[in-house]
Amino acid sequence: MARGNPEVRDLLRTCPALLMSDVCTAHNVGKMADSHNARRILLLQKIAVYGYAYMQAYIDGLPWKVKSQSLTLAAMLEEKETKT
């Protein structure tokens, strides 16, 4: 619902990711989040629970068909500009 709405985007930028993660998790049950920033929020929640080292080892251990730089935890946590 935030797509294209500058007021909502500003509000989301001021909220800690952990406050939004439960809603995102409920919305994205059984699939990876739809956007980079949604995946980032979910990963930040998991890092808060399990720690960065655990999540990095977990993601590095996934059996990717094609491993690329964009499939690293560091790349997944980069903030990206969103279209408003």
Protein backbone atom coordinates (compact mmCIF):
# COMPACT_ATOMS: atom_id res chain seq x y z
CA MET A 1 0.00 0.00 0.00
CA ALA A 2 3.02 2.28 0.33
CA ARG A 3 3.86 2.14 -3.35
CA GLY A 4 3.56 5.55 -4.90
CA ASN A 5 2.52 7.20 -1.64
CA PRO A 6 5.22 9.62 -0.40
CA GLU A 7 3.48 10.17 2.96
CA VAL A 8 3.45 6.46 3.74
CA ARG A 9 7.04 6.02 2.50
CA ASP A 10 8.18 8.78 4.91
CA LEU A 11 6.32 7.12 7.76
CA LEU A 12 7.90 3.73 6.99
CA ARG A 13 11.38 5.30 6.91
CA THR A 14 10.90 6.57 10.48
CA CYS A 15 9.66 3.22 11.88
CA PRO A 16 12.12 0.62 13.09
CA ALA A 17 12.07 -2.46 10.87
CA LEU A 18 11.15 -4.70 13.80
CA LEU A 19 7.87 -2.87 14.33
CA MET A 20 6.80 -3.72 10.78
CA SER A 21 8.24 -7.19 10.50
CA ASP A 22 5.36 -9.07 12.12
CA VAL A 23 2.94 -7.63 9.57
CA CYS A 24 5.34 -8.42 6.73
CA THR A 25 5.92 -11.92 8.03
CA ALA A 26 2.18 -12.59 8.22
CA HIS A 27 1.72 -11.23 4.71
CA ASN A 28 4.57 -13.26 3.24
CA VAL A 29 3.91 -16.68 4.80
CA GLY A 30 5.21 -19.49 2.59
CA LYS A 31 7.08 -17.28 0.13
CA MET A 32 9.90 -14.81 0.00
CA ALA A 33 8.83 -11.18 0.26
CA ASP A 34 7.96 -9.49 -3.02
CA SER A 35 10.38 -6.57 -2.93
CA HIS A 36 14.00 -6.09 -1.95
CA ASN A 37 13.10 -3.81 0.95
CA ALA A 38 10.48 -6.25 2.25
CA ARG A 39 13.08 -9.05 2.20
CA ARG A 40 15.49 -6.72 3.97
CA ILE A 41 12.98 -6.10 6.77
CA LEU A 42 12.39 -9.83 7.20
CA LEU A 43 16.12 -10.55 7.27
CA LEU A 44 16.72 -7.81 9.84
CA GLN A 45 14.11 -9.44 12.06
CA LYS A 46 15.83 -12.82 11.74
CA ILE A 47 19.23 -11.23 12.46
CA ALA A 48 17.79 -9.69 15.63
CA VAL A 49 16.60 -13.15 16.74
CA TYR A 50 19.47 -15.40 15.56
CA GLY A 51 22.42 -13.05 15.02
CA TYR A 52 24.26 -11.95 11.89
CA ALA A 53 26.80 -14.79 11.85
CA TYR A 54 24.11 -17.47 12.01
CA MET A 55 22.07 -15.89 9.21
CA GLN A 56 25.16 -15.40 7.04
CA ALA A 57 26.13 -19.07 7.45
CA TYR A 58 22.54 -20.12 6.73
CA ILE A 59 22.26 -18.07 3.52
CA ASP A 60 25.73 -19.12 2.35
CA GLY A 61 24.67 -22.74 2.85
CA LEU A 62 21.52 -22.52 0.71
CA PRO A 63 21.69 -24.61 -2.48
CA TRP A 64 21.34 -21.78 -5.02
CA LYS A 65 21.12 -22.96 -8.63
CA VAL A 66 23.30 -20.03 -9.64
CA LYS A 67 25.26 -18.28 -6.90
CA SER A 68 25.73 -14.55 -7.49
CA GLN A 69 26.86 -11.55 -5.45
CA SER A 70 23.22 -10.44 -5.09
CA LEU A 71 22.45 -13.62 -3.14
CA THR A 72 24.76 -12.78 -0.24
CA LEU A 73 23.43 -11.52 3.07
CA ALA A 74 25.34 -8.25 2.70
CA ALA A 75 23.73 -7.58 -0.70
CA MET A 76 20.29 -8.49 0.63
CA LEU A 77 20.68 -5.99 3.48
CA GLU A 78 21.69 -3.02 1.31
CA GLU A 79 19.15 -0.24 1.30
CA LYS A 80 17.78 0.41 -2.14
CA GLU A 81 15.97 3.43 -3.46
CA THR A 82 12.27 2.79 -3.98
CA LYS A 83 10.06 4.28 -6.63
CA THR A 84 7.44 6.58 -5.20
